[in-house]
Amino acid sequence: MMLPRMGLGCMNLSHAYGIPPSDEEGLALLRAALDSGVTHLDTATLYGGGRNEELVGRALKGRREEVVLASKGGMAMVDGVKVIDGRPATLTAQVDASLRRLGVDHIDLYYLHRWDKTVPIGESVGALASLVEAGKIGAIGLSEVSVERLREAQAVAPIAAVQNEYSLWSRNPELGMLSATADDGIALVAFSPVARGFLGDGVGDPATLAEKDIRRGMPRFQGANWEVNAALLPAWRELAAEAGCTPAQLALAWLLARGDHVVPIPGTTSVDHLHEDFAALSLSVDEALLERAGELIDTSTVSGPRYAPGPAAEVDAETFEDAA
């Protein structure tokens, strides 16, 4: 399937970054996105324990045909605890629940949010393939997977998209997934394309983040790692000014230049930032400047791993630690 060149990640309207906006504020942002021509929305069973899907569903009433709608399953809140469960029966039940919450009869793209390492990925993908046949979902995606897992999944059913973290400061897809998806005509959907706000110059001091903000537990926002990373920002701001755009726009322009199949899905709670992000689609940034951006913010200059050990164990994507 062909995805729009950029989508809106809806997670932070309900989940992960401290206190989310009210439903009314979230609904206003989603409607502003639709009104401005955003045609790809990305949500998940996990986000807000289902509340994010409900919010997206409210925004889509009477406008369903305007968007490519993506959601995810295989990871959910169960009695207040995040549970990864890729068993076929679980995925089937979660798709049905997603359809109810979204108020639709069809989800265009449905991802296995995480590979359940206790279940062969072929079994999980087989269940999703049955849901494609039933007309409940249009295409199958995978999230936070390796090329090896992608190949195992492809042996069972076509895979339309892989959603892995990809940005200037998270280059893991360049360890094989970027080329594998390009070769096979698969969309590489880049989540956290602005490095969880870092590349948008939106994190002044991690100590001031809300108590339940997930960035508090991420190594790159902690201690000596943060000091190294924050020291990159003055030069980053200067580079964006030279490009004639904002720091967030430069980060998105860099990703868009990685390949026509790369689809960033920035998230925001601000209508102004929404318009800023999607304006990156019409930017023309000199290739040499993009190359300098890639040298300034890179695996060799960024300090700290993506995740702490616990969350890192949940993902399957290639890591530079393993590559070393």
C-alpha atoms as a PDB file:
ATOM      1  CA  MET A   1       0.000   0.000   0.000  1.00  0.00           C
ATOM      2  CA  MET A   2       1.094   3.597  -0.580  1.00  0.00           C
ATOM      3  CA  LEU A   3       1.236   5.703   2.539  1.00  0.00           C
ATOM      4  CA  PRO A   4       1.124   9.503   2.523  1.00  0.00           C
ATOM      5  CA  ARG A   5       4.583  11.049   2.735  1.00  0.00           C
ATOM      6  CA  MET A   6       4.076  12.004   6.382  1.00  0.00           C
ATOM      7  CA  GLY A   7       1.590  11.056   9.069  1.00  0.00           C
ATOM      8  CA  LEU A   8       0.527  12.243  12.490  1.00  0.00           C
ATOM      9  CA  GLY A   9       1.553  10.098  15.439  1.00  0.00           C
ATOM     10  CA  CYS A  10      -1.308  10.372  17.913  1.00  0.00           C
ATOM     11  CA  MET A  11       0.320   8.749  20.968  1.00  0.00           C
ATOM     12  CA  ASN A  12       1.145  11.864  22.958  1.00  0.00           C
ATOM     13  CA  LEU A  13      -2.472  13.008  22.909  1.00  0.00           C
ATOM     14  CA  SER A  14      -3.167  10.229  25.435  1.00  0.00           C
ATOM     15  CA  HIS A  15       0.047   8.562  26.517  1.00  0.00           C
ATOM     16  CA  ALA A  16       3.701   8.590  27.552  1.00  0.00           C
ATOM     17  CA  TYR A  17       4.697  12.243  27.856  1.00  0.00           C
ATOM     18  CA  GLY A  18       3.380  13.238  31.261  1.00  0.00           C
ATOM     19  CA  ILE A  19      -0.079  14.767  31.569  1.00  0.00           C
ATOM     20  CA  PRO A  20      -1.871  14.555  28.215  1.00  0.00           C
ATOM     21  CA  PRO A  21      -4.114  17.318  26.926  1.00  0.00           C
ATOM     22  CA  SER A  22      -7.835  17.124  27.640  1.00  0.00           C
ATOM     23  CA  ASP A  23      -9.994  15.169  25.229  1.00  0.00           C
ATOM     24  CA  GLU A  24     -11.378  18.457  23.944  1.00  0.00           C
ATOM     25  CA  GLU A  25      -7.877  19.780  23.231  1.00  0.00           C
ATOM     26  CA  GLY A  26      -6.849  16.517  21.616  1.00  0.00           C
ATOM     27  CA  LEU A  27      -9.958  16.477  19.479  1.00  0.00           C
ATOM     28  CA  ALA A  28      -9.299  20.065  18.387  1.00  0.00           C
ATOM     29  CA  LEU A  29      -5.769  19.148  17.315  1.00  0.00           C
ATOM     30  CA  LEU A  30      -6.937  16.114  15.338  1.00  0.00           C
ATOM     31  CA  ARG A  31      -9.613  18.149  13.584  1.00  0.00           C
ATOM     32  CA  ALA A  32      -7.061  20.860  12.800  1.00  0.00           C
ATOM     33  CA  ALA A  33      -4.841  18.161  11.316  1.00  0.00           C
ATOM     34  CA  LEU A  34      -7.628  16.866   9.088  1.00  0.00           C
ATOM     35  CA  ASP A  35      -8.611  20.389   8.085  1.00  0.00           C
ATOM     36  CA  SER A  36      -5.011  21.141   7.069  1.00  0.00           C
ATOM     37  CA  GLY A  37      -4.800  18.078   4.842  1.00  0.00           C
ATOM     38  CA  VAL A  38      -3.176  15.458   7.065  1.00  0.00           C
ATOM     39  CA  THR A  39      -4.222  12.119   5.584  1.00  0.00           C
ATOM     40  CA  HIS A  40      -2.494   9.526   7.778  1.00  0.00           C
ATOM     41  CA  LEU A  41      -3.242   8.993  11.478  1.00  0.00           C
ATOM     42  CA  ASP A  42      -1.343   6.488  13.638  1.00  0.00           C
ATOM     43  CA  THR A  43      -2.739   5.181  16.932  1.00  0.00           C
ATOM     44  CA  ALA A  44      -2.571   1.937  18.966  1.00  0.00           C
ATOM     45  CA  THR A  45      -4.367  -0.316  21.414  1.00  0.00           C
ATOM     46  CA  LEU A  46      -1.749   0.597  24.028  1.00  0.00           C
ATOM     47  CA  TYR A  47      -2.070   4.368  23.945  1.00  0.00           C
ATOM     48  CA  GLY A  48      -3.997   5.562  26.961  1.00  0.00           C
ATOM     49  CA  GLY A  49      -5.388   2.079  27.480  1.00  0.00           C
ATOM     50  CA  GLY A  50      -7.591   2.488  24.401  1.00  0.00           C
ATOM     51  CA  ARG A  51      -8.527   6.122  24.981  1.00  0.00           C
ATOM     52  CA  ASN A  52      -6.397   7.285  22.056  1.00  0.00           C
ATOM     53  CA  GLU A  53      -8.322   5.120  19.617  1.00  0.00           C
ATOM     54  CA  GLU A  54     -11.574   6.471  21.021  1.00  0.00           C
ATOM     55  CA  LEU A  55     -10.311  10.026  20.542  1.00  0.00           C
ATOM     56  CA  VAL A  56      -9.218   9.354  16.972  1.00  0.00           C
ATOM     57  CA  GLY A  57     -12.565   7.717  16.299  1.00  0.00           C
ATOM     58  CA  ARG A  58     -14.397  10.830  17.460  1.00  0.00           C
ATOM     59  CA  ALA A  59     -12.297  12.986  15.141  1.00  0.00           C
ATOM     60  CA  LEU A  60     -13.015  10.692  12.192  1.00  0.00           C
ATOM     61  CA  LYS A  61     -16.805  10.728  12.480  1.00  0.00           C
ATOM     62  CA  GLY A  62     -18.064  11.704   9.055  1.00  0.00           C
ATOM     63  CA  ARG A  63     -14.482  11.946   7.746  1.00  0.00           C
ATOM     64  CA  ARG A  64     -13.271   8.349   7.698  1.00  0.00           C
ATOM     65  CA  GLU A  65     -12.554   8.316   3.978  1.00  0.00           C
ATOM     66  CA  GLU A  66     -10.133  11.246   4.295  1.00  0.00           C
ATOM     67  CA  VAL A  67      -7.358   9.256   5.966  1.00  0.00           C
ATOM     68  CA  VAL A  68      -5.201   6.183   5.942  1.00  0.00           C
ATOM     69  CA  LEU A  69      -5.926   4.879   9.436  1.00  0.00           C
ATOM     70  CA  ALA A  70      -3.266   2.858  11.246  1.00  0.00           C
ATOM     71  CA  SER A  71      -3.419   1.149  14.614  1.00  0.00           C
ATOM     72  CA  LYS A  72      -1.483  -1.540  16.451  1.00  0.00           C
ATOM     73  CA  GLY A  73      -2.008  -4.549  18.658  1.00  0.00           C
ATOM     74  CA  GLY A  74      -0.029  -7.149  20.534  1.00  0.00           C
ATOM     75  CA  MET A  75       0.814  -4.715  23.321  1.00  0.00           C
ATOM     76  CA  ALA A  76      -1.858  -3.409  25.665  1.00  0.00           C
ATOM     77  CA  MET A  77      -2.576  -2.208  29.170  1.00  0.00           C
ATOM     78  CA  VAL A  78      -4.020  -5.056  31.223  1.00  0.00           C
ATOM     79  CA  ASP A  79      -5.079  -4.137  34.753  1.00  0.00           C
ATOM     80  CA  GLY A  80      -2.788  -1.120  34.602  1.00  0.00           C
ATOM     81  CA  VAL A  81       0.239  -3.111  33.414  1.00  0.00           C
ATOM     82  CA  LYS A  82       1.725  -3.118  29.919  1.00  0.00           C
ATOM     83  CA  VAL A  83       1.520  -6.641  28.482  1.00  0.00           C
ATOM     84  CA  ILE A  84       3.053  -7.910  25.233  1.00  0.00           C
ATOM     85  CA  ASP A  85       0.907 -10.747  23.895  1.00  0.00           C
ATOM     86  CA  GLY A  86       1.122 -11.874  20.281  1.00  0.00           C
ATOM     87  CA  ARG A  87      -1.073 -14.953  20.499  1.00  0.00           C
ATOM     88  CA  PRO A  88      -3.542 -15.194  17.602  1.00  0.00           C
ATOM     89  CA  ALA A  89      -6.621 -15.138  19.847  1.00  0.00           C
ATOM     90  CA  THR A  90      -5.362 -12.025  21.604  1.00  0.00           C
ATOM     91  CA  LEU A  91      -4.664 -10.196  18.346  1.00  0.00           C
ATOM     92  CA  THR A  92      -8.067 -11.127  16.948  1.00  0.00           C
ATOM     93  CA  ALA A  93      -9.788  -9.800  20.055  1.00  0.00           C
ATOM     94  CA  GLN A  94      -7.699  -6.631  20.034  1.00  0.00           C
ATOM     95  CA  VAL A  95      -8.529  -5.855  16.399  1.00  0.00           C
ATOM     96  CA  ASP A  96     -12.231  -6.215  17.175  1.00  0.00           C
ATOM     97  CA  ALA A  97     -11.818  -3.915  20.179  1.00  0.00           C
ATOM     98  CA  SER A  98      -9.898  -1.378  18.090  1.00  0.00           C
ATOM     99  CA  LEU A  99     -12.663  -1.355  15.492  1.00  0.00           C
ATOM    100  CA  ARG A 100     -15.241  -0.665  18.216  1.00  0.00           C
ATOM    101  CA  ARG A 101     -13.230   2.110  19.835  1.00  0.00           C
ATOM    102  CA  LEU A 102     -12.454   3.750  16.514  1.00  0.00           C
ATOM    103  CA  GLY A 103     -16.062   3.418  15.366  1.00  0.00           C
ATOM    104  CA  VAL A 104     -15.031   1.960  11.997  1.00  0.00           C
ATOM    105  CA  ASP A 105     -15.462  -1.340  10.203  1.00  0.00           C
ATOM    106  CA  HIS A 106     -12.003  -1.402   8.653  1.00  0.00           C
ATOM    107  CA  ILE A 107      -8.476  -0.333   9.700  1.00  0.00           C
ATOM    108  CA  ASP A 108      -6.236   0.345   6.722  1.00  0.00           C
ATOM    109  CA  LEU A 109      -2.949  -0.691   8.338  1.00  0.00           C
ATOM    110  CA  TYR A 110      -2.580  -2.757  11.505  1.00  0.00           C
ATOM    111  CA  TYR A 111       0.794  -3.347  13.114  1.00  0.00           C
ATOM    112  CA  LEU A 112       2.078  -6.001  15.442  1.00  0.00           C
ATOM    113  CA  HIS A 113       3.223  -3.416  17.985  1.00  0.00           C
ATOM    114  CA  ARG A 114       5.911  -5.648  19.456  1.00  0.00           C
ATOM    115  CA  TRP A 115       7.024  -9.144  18.623  1.00  0.00           C
ATOM    116  CA  ASP A 116       6.044 -11.395  21.495  1.00  0.00           C
ATOM    117  CA  LYS A 117       9.226 -13.404  21.897  1.00  0.00           C
ATOM    118  CA  THR A 118       7.270 -16.321  23.337  1.00  0.00           C
ATOM    119  CA  VAL A 119       5.240 -16.674  20.117  1.00  0.00           C
ATOM    120  CA  PRO A 120       6.734 -17.359  16.662  1.00  0.00           C
ATOM    121  CA  ILE A 121       6.141 -14.220  14.631  1.00  0.00           C
ATOM    122  CA  GLY A 122       4.617 -16.326  11.881  1.00  0.00           C
ATOM    123  CA  GLU A 123       1.747 -17.263  14.196  1.00  0.00           C
ATOM    124  CA  SER A 124       1.032 -13.621  15.008  1.00  0.00           C
ATOM    125  CA  VAL A 125       1.266 -12.569  11.365  1.00  0.00           C
ATOM    126  CA  GLY A 126      -0.902 -15.491  10.330  1.00  0.00           C
ATOM    127  CA  ALA A 127      -3.643 -14.238  12.624  1.00  0.00           C
ATOM    128  CA  LEU A 128      -3.392 -10.772  11.095  1.00  0.00           C
ATOM    129  CA  ALA A 129      -3.510 -12.311   7.605  1.00  0.00           C
ATOM    130  CA  SER A 130      -6.807 -13.961   8.532  1.00  0.00           C
ATOM    131  CA  LEU A 131      -8.117 -10.548   9.587  1.00  0.00           C
ATOM    132  CA  VAL A 132      -7.088  -9.147   6.206  1.00  0.00           C
ATOM    133  CA  GLU A 133      -9.092 -11.923   4.557  1.00  0.00           C
ATOM    134  CA  ALA A 134     -12.039 -11.077   6.805  1.00  0.00           C
ATOM    135  CA  GLY A 135     -11.896  -7.444   5.664  1.00  0.00           C
ATOM    136  CA  LYS A 136     -11.233  -6.066   9.127  1.00  0.00           C
ATOM    137  CA  ILE A 137      -7.765  -4.758   8.291  1.00  0.00           C
ATOM    138  CA  GLY A 138      -6.309  -3.758   4.954  1.00  0.00           C
ATOM    139  CA  ALA A 139      -2.613  -4.463   5.396  1.00  0.00           C
ATOM    140  CA  ILE A 140      -0.137  -5.790   7.952  1.00  0.00           C
ATOM    141  CA  GLY A 141       2.684  -3.867   9.600  1.00  0.00           C
ATOM    142  CA  LEU A 142       5.402  -4.699  12.121  1.00  0.00           C
ATOM    143  CA  SER A 143       6.978  -2.437  14.729  1.00  0.00           C
ATOM    144  CA  GLU A 144      10.419  -2.458  16.366  1.00  0.00           C
ATOM    145  CA  VAL A 145      11.536  -5.535  14.455  1.00  0.00           C
ATOM    146  CA  SER A 146      14.781  -6.681  12.868  1.00  0.00           C
ATOM    147  CA  VAL A 147      15.326  -7.629   9.239  1.00  0.00           C
ATOM    148  CA  GLU A 148      15.477 -11.269  10.320  1.00  0.00           C
ATOM    149  CA  ARG A 149      12.012 -11.019  11.867  1.00  0.00           C
ATOM    150  CA  LEU A 150      10.704  -9.171   8.815  1.00  0.00           C
ATOM    151  CA  ARG A 151      11.866 -12.023   6.606  1.00  0.00           C
ATOM    152  CA  GLU A 152      10.157 -14.589   8.850  1.00  0.00           C
ATOM    153  CA  ALA A 153       6.929 -12.588   8.690  1.00  0.00           C
ATOM    154  CA  GLN A 154       7.124 -12.180   4.911  1.00  0.00           C
ATOM    155  CA  ALA A 155       7.239 -15.953   4.544  1.00  0.00           C
ATOM    156  CA  VAL A 156       3.709 -15.998   5.967  1.00  0.00           C
ATOM    157  CA  ALA A 157       2.050 -12.886   4.514  1.00  0.00           C
ATOM    158  CA  PRO A 158       2.872  -9.623   2.722  1.00  0.00           C
ATOM    159  CA  ILE A 159       4.150  -6.862   5.009  1.00  0.00           C
ATOM    160  CA  ALA A 160       3.198  -3.324   3.979  1.00  0.00           C
ATOM    161  CA  ALA A 161       5.066  -1.279   6.579  1.00  0.00           C
ATOM    162  CA  VAL A 162       7.703  -1.483   9.284  1.00  0.00           C
ATOM    163  CA  GLN A 163       7.455   1.129  12.021  1.00  0.00           C
ATOM    164  CA  ASN A 164      10.789   1.513  13.787  1.00  0.00           C
ATOM    165  CA  GLU A 165      12.347   4.470  15.552  1.00  0.00           C
ATOM    166  CA  TYR A 166      14.376   6.512  13.066  1.00  0.00           C
ATOM    167  CA  SER A 167      15.857   9.977  13.390  1.00  0.00           C
ATOM    168  CA  LEU A 168      19.219  11.667  13.246  1.00  0.00           C
ATOM    169  CA  TRP A 169      19.949  10.420  16.749  1.00  0.00           C
ATOM    170  CA  SER A 170      18.503   6.906  16.300  1.00  0.00           C
ATOM    171  CA  ARG A 171      20.086   5.397  13.194  1.00  0.00           C
ATOM    172  CA  ASN A 172      19.239   1.768  13.905  1.00  0.00           C
ATOM    173  CA  PRO A 173      17.334   1.286  10.605  1.00  0.00           C
ATOM    174  CA  GLU A 174      20.613   1.963   8.793  1.00  0.00           C
ATOM    175  CA  LEU A 175      21.836  -1.400  10.088  1.00  0.00           C
ATOM    176  CA  GLY A 176      19.752  -3.117   7.415  1.00  0.00           C
ATOM    177  CA  MET A 177      16.093  -2.162   7.685  1.00  0.00           C
ATOM    178  CA  LEU A 178      16.359   1.008   5.590  1.00  0.00           C
ATOM    179  CA  SER A 179      17.666  -0.930   2.594  1.00  0.00           C
ATOM    180  CA  ALA A 180      15.520  -4.025   3.176  1.00  0.00           C
ATOM    181  CA  THR A 181      12.298  -2.027   3.125  1.00  0.00           C
ATOM    182  CA  ALA A 182      13.417  -0.022   0.079  1.00  0.00           C
ATOM    183  CA  ASP A 183      14.263  -3.202  -1.817  1.00  0.00           C
ATOM    184  CA  ASP A 184      10.897  -4.791  -1.072  1.00  0.00           C
ATOM    185  CA  GLY A 185       8.667  -1.743  -1.578  1.00  0.00           C
ATOM    186  CA  ILE A 186       7.768  -1.582   2.108  1.00  0.00           C
ATOM    187  CA  ALA A 187       7.102   1.711   3.886  1.00  0.00           C
ATOM    188  CA  LEU A 188       9.575   2.479   6.671  1.00  0.00           C
ATOM    189  CA  VAL A 189       7.473   4.473   9.104  1.00  0.00           C
ATOM    190  CA  ALA A 190       9.762   6.517  11.336  1.00  0.00           C
ATOM    191  CA  PHE A 191       8.422   7.073  14.822  1.00  0.00           C
ATOM    192  CA  SER A 192       9.995   9.673  17.130  1.00  0.00           C
ATOM    193  CA  PRO A 193      11.428  11.461  14.064  1.00  0.00           C
ATOM    194  CA  VAL A 194      12.252  14.560  16.104  1.00  0.00           C
ATOM    195  CA  ALA A 195      14.010  12.479  18.782  1.00  0.00           C
ATOM    196  CA  ARG A 196      11.240  12.790  21.364  1.00  0.00           C
ATOM    197  CA  GLY A 197      11.411  16.576  21.166  1.00  0.00           C
ATOM    198  CA  PHE A 198      15.194  16.855  21.389  1.00  0.00           C
ATOM    199  CA  LEU A 199      15.714  17.797  17.733  1.00  0.00           C
ATOM    200  CA  GLY A 200      12.801  20.219  17.945  1.00  0.00           C
ATOM    201  CA  ASP A 201      14.727  22.000  20.696  1.00  0.00           C
ATOM    202  CA  GLY A 202      11.797  21.253  22.950  1.00  0.00           C
ATOM    203  CA  VAL A 203      13.542  19.764  25.997  1.00  0.00           C
ATOM    204  CA  GLY A 204      15.199  22.486  28.018  1.00  0.00           C
ATOM    205  CA  ASP A 205      15.929  20.517  31.172  1.00  0.00           C
ATOM    206  CA  PRO A 206      14.839  16.886  31.584  1.00  0.00           C
ATOM    207  CA  ALA A 207      14.535  17.472  35.327  1.00  0.00           C
ATOM    208  CA  THR A 208      11.500  19.663  34.629  1.00  0.00           C
ATOM    209  CA  LEU A 209       9.646  16.966  32.679  1.00  0.00           C
ATOM    210  CA  ALA A 210       6.413  15.683  34.188  1.00  0.00           C
ATOM    211  CA  GLU A 211       6.779  12.890  36.716  1.00  0.00           C
ATOM    212  CA  LYS A 212       5.385  10.170  34.423  1.00  0.00           C
ATOM    213  CA  ASP A 213       7.090  11.382  31.243  1.00  0.00           C
ATOM    214  CA  ILE A 214       8.799   8.327  29.717  1.00  0.00           C
ATOM    215  CA  ARG A 215      11.849  10.398  28.788  1.00  0.00           C
ATOM    216  CA  ARG A 216      12.807  10.521  32.478  1.00  0.00           C
ATOM    217  CA  GLY A 217      13.675   6.823  32.198  1.00  0.00           C
ATOM    218  CA  MET A 218      15.565   7.110  28.914  1.00  0.00           C
ATOM    219  CA  PRO A 219      19.369   7.157  29.156  1.00  0.00           C
ATOM    220  CA  ARG A 220      19.863   9.948  26.619  1.00  0.00           C
ATOM    221  CA  PHE A 221      17.942  12.365  28.826  1.00  0.00           C
ATOM    222  CA  GLN A 222      19.864  11.481  31.976  1.00  0.00           C
ATOM    223  CA  GLY A 223      22.985  12.764  33.728  1.00  0.00           C
ATOM    224  CA  ALA A 224      26.228  12.848  31.806  1.00  0.00           C
ATOM    225  CA  ASN A 225      24.510  11.597  28.629  1.00  0.00           C
ATOM    226  CA  TRP A 226      22.211  14.612  28.654  1.00  0.00           C
ATOM    227  CA  GLU A 227      25.122  16.988  29.150  1.00  0.00           C
ATOM    228  CA  VAL A 228      26.843  15.592  26.038  1.00  0.00           C
ATOM    229  CA  ASN A 229      23.645  15.664  23.991  1.00  0.00           C
ATOM    230  CA  ALA A 230      22.554  19.133  25.078  1.00  0.00           C
ATOM    231  CA  ALA A 231      25.964  20.456  24.039  1.00  0.00           C
ATOM    232  CA  LEU A 232      25.025  19.594  20.426  1.00  0.00           C
ATOM    233  CA  LEU A 233      22.008  21.911  20.411  1.00  0.00           C
ATOM    234  CA  PRO A 234      23.674  25.317  19.802  1.00  0.00           C
ATOM    235  CA  ALA A 235      25.268  24.073  16.570  1.00  0.00           C
ATOM    236  CA  TRP A 236      22.013  22.327  15.660  1.00  0.00           C
ATOM    237  CA  ARG A 237      20.064  25.583  16.031  1.00  0.00           C
ATOM    238  CA  GLU A 238      22.629  27.382  13.876  1.00  0.00           C
ATOM    239  CA  LEU A 239      22.382  24.745  11.168  1.00  0.00           C
ATOM    240  CA  ALA A 240      18.582  25.045  11.078  1.00  0.00           C
ATOM    241  CA  ALA A 241      18.866  28.826  10.833  1.00  0.00           C
ATOM    242  CA  GLU A 242      21.272  28.418   7.935  1.00  0.00           C
ATOM    243  CA  ALA A 243      18.745  26.126   6.242  1.00  0.00           C
ATOM    244  CA  GLY A 244      16.044  28.749   6.765  1.00  0.00           C
ATOM    245  CA  CYS A 245      13.818  26.481   8.819  1.00  0.00           C
ATOM    246  CA  THR A 246      13.151  25.404  12.388  1.00  0.00           C
ATOM    247  CA  PRO A 247      15.161  22.654  14.094  1.00  0.00           C
ATOM    248  CA  ALA A 248      12.190  20.271  13.925  1.00  0.00           C
ATOM    249  CA  GLN A 249      11.739  20.941  10.220  1.00  0.00           C
ATOM    250  CA  LEU A 250      15.404  20.236   9.552  1.00  0.00           C
ATOM    251  CA  ALA A 251      15.134  16.907  11.382  1.00  0.00           C
ATOM    252  CA  LEU A 252      12.103  15.958   9.278  1.00  0.00           C
ATOM    253  CA  ALA A 253      13.691  17.156   6.025  1.00  0.00           C
ATOM    254  CA  TRP A 254      16.696  14.951   6.741  1.00  0.00           C
ATOM    255  CA  LEU A 255      14.439  11.913   7.206  1.00  0.00           C
ATOM    256  CA  LEU A 256      12.381  12.644   4.111  1.00  0.00           C
ATOM    257  CA  ALA A 257      15.610  12.676   2.118  1.00  0.00           C
ATOM    258  CA  ARG A 258      16.538   9.141   3.271  1.00  0.00           C
ATOM    259  CA  GLY A 259      14.215   7.624   0.696  1.00  0.00           C
ATOM    260  CA  ASP A 260      10.780   7.967  -0.845  1.00  0.00           C
ATOM    261  CA  HIS A 261       9.631   5.024   1.258  1.00  0.00           C
ATOM    262  CA  VAL A 262      10.528   6.713   4.570  1.00  0.00           C
ATOM    263  CA  VAL A 263       7.398   8.094   6.262  1.00  0.00           C
ATOM    264  CA  PRO A 264       7.941  10.207   9.394  1.00  0.00           C
ATOM    265  CA  ILE A 265       5.052  10.359  11.879  1.00  0.00           C
ATOM    266  CA  PRO A 266       5.797  13.283  14.224  1.00  0.00           C
ATOM    267  CA  GLY A 267       3.460  13.770  17.157  1.00  0.00           C
ATOM    268  CA  THR A 268       2.480  16.951  18.916  1.00  0.00           C
ATOM    269  CA  THR A 269      -0.096  18.478  21.239  1.00  0.00           C
ATOM    270  CA  SER A 270       0.265  21.913  19.643  1.00  0.00           C
ATOM    271  CA  VAL A 271      -1.579  23.068  16.526  1.00  0.00           C
ATOM    272  CA  ASP A 272       1.265  25.490  15.786  1.00  0.00           C
ATOM    273  CA  HIS A 273       3.811  22.674  15.933  1.00  0.00           C
ATOM    274  CA  LEU A 274       1.516  20.513  13.796  1.00  0.00           C
ATOM    275  CA  HIS A 275       1.602  23.104  11.027  1.00  0.00           C
ATOM    276  CA  GLU A 276       5.352  23.591  11.519  1.00  0.00           C
ATOM    277  CA  ASP A 277       6.038  19.870  11.161  1.00  0.00           C
ATOM    278  CA  PHE A 278       3.970  19.337   8.027  1.00  0.00           C
ATOM    279  CA  ALA A 279       5.463  22.423   6.388  1.00  0.00           C
ATOM    280  CA  ALA A 280       8.656  20.347   6.173  1.00  0.00           C
ATOM    281  CA  LEU A 281       7.043  18.535   3.243  1.00  0.00           C
ATOM    282  CA  SER A 282       7.480  21.621   1.067  1.00  0.00           C
ATOM    283  CA  LEU A 283      10.998  22.505   2.209  1.00  0.00           C
ATOM    284  CA  SER A 284      13.959  22.367  -0.122  1.00  0.00           C
ATOM    285  CA  VAL A 285      17.154  21.925   1.878  1.00  0.00           C
ATOM    286  CA  ASP A 286      20.549  21.725   0.219  1.00  0.00           C
ATOM    287  CA  GLU A 287      21.928  18.178   0.130  1.00  0.00           C
ATOM    288  CA  ALA A 288      25.283  19.317   1.522  1.00  0.00           C
ATOM    289  CA  LEU A 289      23.553  20.915   4.509  1.00  0.00           C
ATOM    290  CA  LEU A 290      21.587  17.725   5.166  1.00  0.00           C
ATOM    291  CA  GLU A 291      24.878  15.844   5.111  1.00  0.00           C
ATOM    292  CA  ARG A 292      26.281  18.239   7.714  1.00  0.00           C
ATOM    293  CA  ALA A 293      23.190  17.658   9.829  1.00  0.00           C
ATOM    294  CA  GLY A 294      23.853  13.929   9.641  1.00  0.00           C
ATOM    295  CA  GLU A 295      27.428  14.458  10.788  1.00  0.00           C
ATOM    296  CA  LEU A 296      26.489  16.743  13.676  1.00  0.00           C
ATOM    297  CA  ILE A 297      23.784  14.455  15.126  1.00  0.00           C
ATOM    298  CA  ASP A 298      24.878  10.860  14.645  1.00  0.00           C
ATOM    299  CA  THR A 299      25.515   7.644  16.520  1.00  0.00           C
ATOM    300  CA  SER A 300      29.100   8.768  17.120  1.00  0.00           C
ATOM    301  CA  THR A 301      28.100  12.127  18.642  1.00  0.00           C
ATOM    302  CA  VAL A 302      24.987  11.166  20.632  1.00  0.00           C
ATOM    303  CA  SER A 303      25.529   9.756  24.113  1.00  0.00           C
ATOM    304  CA  GLY A 304      23.516   6.904  25.597  1.00  0.00           C
ATOM    305  CA  PRO A 305      21.406   4.015  24.262  1.00  0.00           C
ATOM    306  CA  ARG A 306      17.804   4.409  23.104  1.00  0.00           C
ATOM    307  CA  TYR A 307      16.291   2.539  26.021  1.00  0.00           C
ATOM    308  CA  ALA A 308      17.075   1.405  29.530  1.00  0.00           C
ATOM    309  CA  PRO A 309      17.645  -2.377  29.819  1.00  0.00           C
ATOM    310  CA  GLY A 310      14.021  -3.284  30.593  1.00  0.00           C
ATOM    311  CA  PRO A 311      12.368  -1.583  27.586  1.00  0.00           C
ATOM    312  CA  ALA A 312      15.352  -2.544  25.407  1.00  0.00           C
ATOM    313  CA  ALA A 313      14.595  -6.217  26.026  1.00  0.00           C
ATOM    314  CA  GLU A 314      11.113  -5.730  24.555  1.00  0.00           C
ATOM    315  CA  VAL A 315      12.317  -4.706  21.092  1.00  0.00           C
ATOM    316  CA  ASP A 316      13.827  -6.740  18.291  1.00  0.00           C
ATOM    317  CA  ALA A 317      15.286  -4.036  16.032  1.00  0.00           C
ATOM    318  CA  GLU A 318      19.011  -4.070  15.272  1.00  0.00           C
ATOM    319  CA  THR A 319      21.214  -2.210  17.744  1.00  0.00           C
ATOM    320  CA  PHE A 320      24.626  -0.632  17.394  1.00  0.00           C
ATOM    321  CA  GLU A 321      25.691  -2.446  20.543  1.00  0.00           C
ATOM    322  CA  ASP A 322      25.090  -5.782  18.818  1.00  0.00           C
ATOM    323  CA  ALA A 323      26.725  -4.549  15.615  1.00  0.00           C
ATOM    324  CA  ALA A 324      29.865  -3.643  17.524  1.00  0.00           C
END
